[in-house]
Amino acid sequence: MILPGSVLFACTLNAIRSPMAELLLKHSHGGRIFVDSAGVDEAPLDPMAVEVMAELGLDMRRHKAKTFEDLADTSFDLIVTLSPEAHQKAKEITRTMSCDVEFWPVSDPAYFEGSRANLLDAYRGLRDELARRIARFVPEPEVTVAVSRVASYRVYVLGRVNRPGDFAVGRPIDVLQAL
């Protein structure tokens, strides 16, 4: 698979969905792909989004919301839109550009109601859905290792999601490690 050189994630307010997607892709491929996010409008970063990303050890507190107009560079290989409004805006700005636009319809947890626990579950659901889509879209590079001695270890997965069906967070797995 050929990786895009630059990806823009876009949603309505650049406060929940697109910053979460940006951070997830930066965490897994930030050294190989330029990643940014924007919104049709802007709003302050959502504290529950910050909280559920911190559960994976990812810090979004420094994110500053921006609009499409605030982008310093608009030469992206791919724009992934996460809301109908952002999709429409991306289609408008890319009419004369060589840029792919892909729509990922995901829910906006800001519109959910219920207890704090239920709301956090909605934010976690969004985070995990974005992680699954990113993992399918931009798979982890394969690594080949020559092994002369092998030892078996039991490890616990702390939150990395590589592919659908991968290991559950906190569930022990047995792995082989080259010595």
Foldseek 3Di string as FASTA:
>chain_A
DDDWQEEEEEEAAQAAQRLLLQQLCCVQQVVRHHYYYAHQHHDHHDVLNQVLVVLLVTGPNPDDYHHPVPDPDDQTQEYEYAYPVRQVVVCVVCVPPNHYYHYDDDDDLVPDDDDPVVSSVNSNVSSVVSLQVCLVVPAHDDDDDDADDKDKDKDAASDRDRHPPDDDHRDIDIDIDGD
